PDB file of N, CA and C in Angstrom:
ATOM      1  N   MET A   1       0.827  -1.177   0.000  1.00  0.00           N
ATOM      2  CA  MET A   1       0.000   0.000   0.000  1.00  0.00           C
ATOM      3  C   MET A   1       0.878   1.251   0.000  1.00  0.00           C
ATOM      4  N   ILE A   2       0.532   2.223  -0.834  1.00  0.00           N
ATOM      5  CA  ILE A   2       1.285   3.471  -0.925  1.00  0.00           C
ATOM      6  C   ILE A   2       0.874   4.383   0.225  1.00  0.00           C
ATOM      7  N   GLU A   3       1.892   4.872   0.949  1.00  0.00           N
ATOM      8  CA  GLU A   3       1.636   5.733   2.104  1.00  0.00           C
ATOM      9  C   GLU A   3       2.602   6.903   2.109  1.00  0.00           C
ATOM     10  N   ASN A   4       2.224   7.941   2.830  1.00  0.00           N
ATOM     11  CA  ASN A   4       3.095   9.088   3.104  1.00  0.00           C
ATOM     12  C   ASN A   4       3.667   9.731   1.844  1.00  0.00           C
ATOM     13  N   LEU A   5       2.816  10.051   0.897  1.00  0.00           N
ATOM     14  CA  LEU A   5       3.260  10.734  -0.319  1.00  0.00           C
ATOM     15  C   LEU A   5       3.669  12.162   0.030  1.00  0.00           C
ATOM     16  N   ILE A   6       4.910  12.506  -0.326  1.00  0.00           N
ATOM     17  CA  ILE A   6       5.437  13.847  -0.077  1.00  0.00           C
ATOM     18  C   ILE A   6       5.858  14.440  -1.413  1.00  0.00           C
ATOM     19  N   CYS A   7       5.295  15.588  -1.734  1.00  0.00           N
ATOM     20  CA  CYS A   7       5.585  16.285  -2.984  1.00  0.00           C
ATOM     21  C   CYS A   7       6.311  17.581  -2.635  1.00  0.00           C
ATOM     22  N   SER A   8       7.610  17.639  -2.904  1.00  0.00           N
ATOM     23  CA  SER A   8       8.411  18.828  -2.605  1.00  0.00           C
ATOM     24  C   SER A   8       8.710  19.568  -3.906  1.00  0.00           C
ATOM     25  N   LYS A   9       7.878  20.553  -4.218  1.00  0.00           N
ATOM     26  CA  LYS A   9       8.039  21.307  -5.460  1.00  0.00           C
ATOM     27  C   LYS A   9       9.337  22.116  -5.465  1.00  0.00           C
ATOM     28  N   GLU A  10       9.746  22.613  -4.307  1.00  0.00           N
ATOM     29  CA  GLU A  10      10.959  23.426  -4.220  1.00  0.00           C
ATOM     30  C   GLU A  10      12.205  22.622  -4.584  1.00  0.00           C
ATOM     31  N   ASN A  11      12.216  21.339  -4.228  1.00  0.00           N
ATOM     32  CA  ASN A  11      13.381  20.478  -4.475  1.00  0.00           C
ATOM     33  C   ASN A  11      13.171  19.515  -5.636  1.00  0.00           C
ATOM     34  N   ASP A  12      12.020  19.589  -6.300  1.00  0.00           N
ATOM     35  CA  ASP A  12      11.688  18.680  -7.409  1.00  0.00           C
ATOM     36  C   ASP A  12      11.761  17.216  -6.982  1.00  0.00           C
ATOM     37  N   LEU A  13      11.316  16.921  -5.759  1.00  0.00           N
ATOM     38  CA  LEU A  13      11.378  15.560  -5.237  1.00  0.00           C
ATOM     39  C   LEU A  13       9.989  15.030  -4.910  1.00  0.00           C
ATOM     40  N   LEU A  14       9.817  13.751  -5.202  1.00  0.00           N
ATOM     41  CA  LEU A  14       8.587  13.038  -4.895  1.00  0.00           C
ATOM     42  C   LEU A  14       8.985  11.809  -4.090  1.00  0.00           C
ATOM     43  N   GLN A  15       8.364  11.618  -2.930  1.00  0.00           N
ATOM     44  CA  GLN A  15       8.745  10.518  -2.042  1.00  0.00           C
ATOM     45  C   GLN A  15       7.496   9.851  -1.496  1.00  0.00           C
ATOM     46  N   TRP A  16       7.560   8.502  -1.380  1.00  0.00           N
ATOM     47  CA  TRP A  16       6.474   7.772  -0.750  1.00  0.00           C
ATOM     48  C   TRP A  16       6.994   6.446  -0.216  1.00  0.00           C
ATOM     49  N   ALA A  17       6.203   5.835   0.647  1.00  0.00           N
ATOM     50  CA  ALA A  17       6.534   4.527   1.214  1.00  0.00           C
ATOM     51  C   ALA A  17       5.578   3.498   0.630  1.00  0.00           C
ATOM     52  N   CYS A  18       6.124   2.325   0.345  1.00  0.00           N
ATOM     53  CA  CYS A  18       5.330   1.218  -0.183  1.00  0.00           C
ATOM     54  C   CYS A  18       5.869  -0.066   0.441  1.00  0.00           C
ATOM     55  N   SER A  19       5.052  -0.700   1.265  1.00  0.00           N
ATOM     56  CA  SER A  19       5.483  -1.886   2.023  1.00  0.00           C
ATOM     57  C   SER A  19       6.719  -1.536   2.843  1.00  0.00           C
ATOM     58  N   GLU A  20       7.811  -2.224   2.601  1.00  0.00           N
ATOM     59  CA  GLU A  20       9.053  -1.991   3.343  1.00  0.00           C
ATOM     60  C   GLU A  20       9.973  -1.003   2.633  1.00  0.00           C
ATOM     61  N   SER A  21       9.587  -0.518   1.457  1.00  0.00           N
ATOM     62  CA  SER A  21      10.459   0.334   0.646  1.00  0.00           C
ATOM     63  C   SER A  21      10.102   1.808   0.771  1.00  0.00           C
ATOM     64  N   ASN A  22      11.124   2.639   0.673  1.00  0.00           N
ATOM     65  CA  ASN A  22      10.974   4.085   0.609  1.00  0.00           C
ATOM     66  C   ASN A  22      11.418   4.509  -0.784  1.00  0.00           C
ATOM     67  N   ILE A  23      10.557   5.139  -1.558  1.00  0.00           N
ATOM     68  CA  ILE A  23      10.873   5.511  -2.932  1.00  0.00           C
ATOM     69  C   ILE A  23      11.070   7.016  -2.997  1.00  0.00           C
ATOM     70  N   LEU A  24      12.152   7.439  -3.657  1.00  0.00           N
ATOM     71  CA  LEU A  24      12.473   8.849  -3.827  1.00  0.00           C
ATOM     72  C   LEU A  24      12.757   9.088  -5.307  1.00  0.00           C
ATOM     73  N   VAL A  25      12.016  10.022  -5.918  1.00  0.00           N
ATOM     74  CA  VAL A  25      12.149  10.298  -7.348  1.00  0.00           C
ATOM     75  C   VAL A  25      12.428  11.783  -7.537  1.00  0.00           C
ATOM     76  N   ASN A  26      13.433  12.084  -8.362  1.00  0.00           N
ATOM     77  CA  ASN A  26      13.717  13.463  -8.730  1.00  0.00           C
ATOM     78  C   ASN A  26      12.987  13.742 -10.037  1.00  0.00           C
ATOM     79  N   MET A  27      12.061  14.700 -10.017  1.00  0.00           N
ATOM     80  CA  MET A  27      11.274  15.025 -11.206  1.00  0.00           C
ATOM     81  C   MET A  27      11.370  16.530 -11.455  1.00  0.00           C
ATOM     82  N   PRO A  28      12.159  16.941 -12.462  1.00  0.00           N
ATOM     83  CA  PRO A  28      12.278  18.368 -12.758  1.00  0.00           C
ATOM     84  C   PRO A  28      10.916  19.008 -13.034  1.00  0.00           C
ATOM     85  N   PHE A  29      10.744  20.212 -12.541  1.00  0.00           N
ATOM     86  CA  PHE A  29       9.523  21.002 -12.743  1.00  0.00           C
ATOM     87  C   PHE A  29       8.286  20.343 -12.130  1.00  0.00           C
ATOM     88  N   LEU A  30       8.473  19.591 -11.046  1.00  0.00           N
ATOM     89  CA  LEU A  30       7.363  18.920 -10.366  1.00  0.00           C
ATOM     90  C   LEU A  30       6.318  19.940  -9.931  1.00  0.00           C
ATOM     91  N   ASP A  31       5.063  19.645 -10.233  1.00  0.00           N
ATOM     92  CA  ASP A  31       3.989  20.576  -9.912  1.00  0.00           C
ATOM     93  C   ASP A  31       2.991  19.980  -8.921  1.00  0.00           C
ATOM     94  N   TYR A  32       2.592  18.709  -9.125  1.00  0.00           N
ATOM     95  CA  TYR A  32       1.529  18.123  -8.315  1.00  0.00           C
ATOM     96  C   TYR A  32       1.643  16.604  -8.374  1.00  0.00           C
ATOM     97  N   ALA A  33       1.235  15.930  -7.303  1.00  0.00           N
ATOM     98  CA  ALA A  33       1.228  14.463  -7.285  1.00  0.00           C
ATOM     99  C   ALA A  33       0.038  13.966  -6.486  1.00  0.00           C
ATOM    100  N   MET A  34      -0.458  12.791  -6.867  1.00  0.00           N
ATOM    101  CA  MET A  34      -1.577  12.184  -6.146  1.00  0.00           C
ATOM    102  C   MET A  34      -1.489  10.666  -6.258  1.00  0.00           C
ATOM    103  N   VAL A  35      -2.205   9.981  -5.369  1.00  0.00           N
ATOM    104  CA  VAL A  35      -2.210   8.516  -5.333  1.00  0.00           C
ATOM    105  C   VAL A  35      -3.580   7.999  -5.750  1.00  0.00           C
ATOM    106  N   ASP A  36      -3.573   6.987  -6.613  1.00  0.00           N
ATOM    107  CA  ASP A  36      -4.793   6.230  -6.918  1.00  0.00           C
ATOM    108  C   ASP A  36      -4.720   4.993  -6.033  1.00  0.00           C
ATOM    109  N   SER A  37      -5.420   5.023  -4.909  1.00  0.00           N
ATOM    110  CA  SER A  37      -5.311   3.934  -3.932  1.00  0.00           C
ATOM    111  C   SER A  37      -5.938   2.637  -4.432  1.00  0.00           C
ATOM    112  N   THR A  38      -6.889   2.716  -5.351  1.00  0.00           N
ATOM    113  CA  THR A  38      -7.509   1.504  -5.894  1.00  0.00           C
ATOM    114  C   THR A  38      -6.511   0.704  -6.720  1.00  0.00           C
ATOM    115  N   ARG A  39      -5.771   1.397  -7.589  1.00  0.00           N
ATOM    116  CA  ARG A  39      -4.813   0.721  -8.473  1.00  0.00           C
ATOM    117  C   ARG A  39      -3.384   0.781  -7.955  1.00  0.00           C
ATOM    118  N   GLN A  40      -3.176   1.450  -6.811  1.00  0.00           N
ATOM    119  CA  GLN A  40      -1.851   1.590  -6.207  1.00  0.00           C
ATOM    120  C   GLN A  40      -0.850   2.219  -7.183  1.00  0.00           C
ATOM    121  N   LEU A  41      -1.237   3.382  -7.730  1.00  0.00           N
ATOM    122  CA  LEU A  41      -0.391   4.133  -8.652  1.00  0.00           C
ATOM    123  C   LEU A  41      -0.157   5.535  -8.109  1.00  0.00           C
ATOM    124  N   VAL A  42       1.008   6.087  -8.422  1.00  0.00           N
ATOM    125  CA  VAL A  42       1.299   7.482  -8.112  1.00  0.00           C
ATOM    126  C   VAL A  42       1.289   8.247  -9.429  1.00  0.00           C
ATOM    127  N   PHE A  43       0.495   9.307  -9.488  1.00  0.00           N
ATOM    128  CA  PHE A  43       0.445  10.169 -10.663  1.00  0.00           C
ATOM    129  C   PHE A  43       1.171  11.462 -10.325  1.00  0.00           C
ATOM    130  N   ALA A  44       2.018  11.928 -11.237  1.00  0.00           N
ATOM    131  CA  ALA A  44       2.741  13.179 -11.020  1.00  0.00           C
ATOM    132  C   ALA A  44       2.592  14.063 -12.250  1.00  0.00           C
ATOM    133  N   LEU A  45       2.407  15.340 -12.004  1.00  0.00           N
ATOM    134  CA  LEU A  45       2.317  16.322 -13.079  1.00  0.00           C
ATOM    135  C   LEU A  45       3.486  17.283 -12.951  1.00  0.00           C
ATOM    136  N   SER A  46       4.045  17.648 -14.086  1.00  0.00           N
ATOM    137  CA  SER A  46       5.126  18.619 -14.079  1.00  0.00           C
ATOM    138  C   SER A  46       4.792  19.743 -15.055  1.00  0.00           C
ATOM    139  N   GLU A  47       5.424  20.876 -14.835  1.00  0.00           N
ATOM    140  CA  GLU A  47       5.220  22.004 -15.738  1.00  0.00           C
ATOM    141  C   GLU A  47       5.802  21.653 -17.102  1.00  0.00           C
ATOM    142  N   PRO A  48       5.118  22.035 -18.167  1.00  0.00           N
ATOM    143  CA  PRO A  48       5.654  21.732 -19.497  1.00  0.00           C
ATOM    144  C   PRO A  48       6.889  22.583 -19.788  1.00  0.00           C
ATOM    145  N   LYS A  49       7.812  21.989 -20.501  1.00  0.00           N
ATOM    146  CA  LYS A  49       8.992  22.725 -20.942  1.00  0.00           C
ATOM    147  C   LYS A  49       8.712  23.264 -22.338  1.00  0.00           C
ATOM    148  N   PRO A  50       9.254  24.423 -22.678  1.00  0.00           N
ATOM    149  CA  PRO A  50       9.059  24.949 -24.032  1.00  0.00           C
ATOM    150  C   PRO A  50       9.661  24.005 -25.074  1.00  0.00           C
ATOM    151  N   VAL A  51       9.002  23.918 -26.206  1.00  0.00           N
ATOM    152  CA  VAL A  51       9.494  23.076 -27.302  1.00  0.00           C
ATOM    153  C   VAL A  51      10.702  23.763 -27.927  1.00  0.00           C
ATOM    154  N   GLN A  52      11.771  22.990 -28.103  1.00  0.00           N
ATOM    155  CA  GLN A  52      12.984  23.514 -28.717  1.00  0.00           C
ATOM    156  C   GLN A  52      12.918  23.299 -30.225  1.00  0.00           C
ATOM    157  N   PRO A  53      13.096  24.345 -31.027  1.00  0.00           N
ATOM    158  CA  PRO A  53      13.077  24.156 -32.485  1.00  0.00           C
ATOM    159  C   PRO A  53      14.308  23.382 -32.939  1.00  0.00           C
ATOM    160  N   PHE A  54      14.166  22.667 -34.028  1.00  0.00           N
ATOM    161  CA  PHE A  54      15.285  21.883 -34.571  1.00  0.00           C
ATOM    162  C   PHE A  54      16.215  22.746 -35.366  1.00  0.00           C
TER     163      PHE A  54
END
């Protein structure tokens, strides 16, 4: 079960606990995160980056 979801926008870090594991993810431009407890998924949204022309 996913527990203790922490979304640190200032540090671009997303952290949560699952069973015996602690997961830490660095996600640039992190904006928002949420848990789907039914499917045991973490959804994260980040700010879009401008498209670079070729």
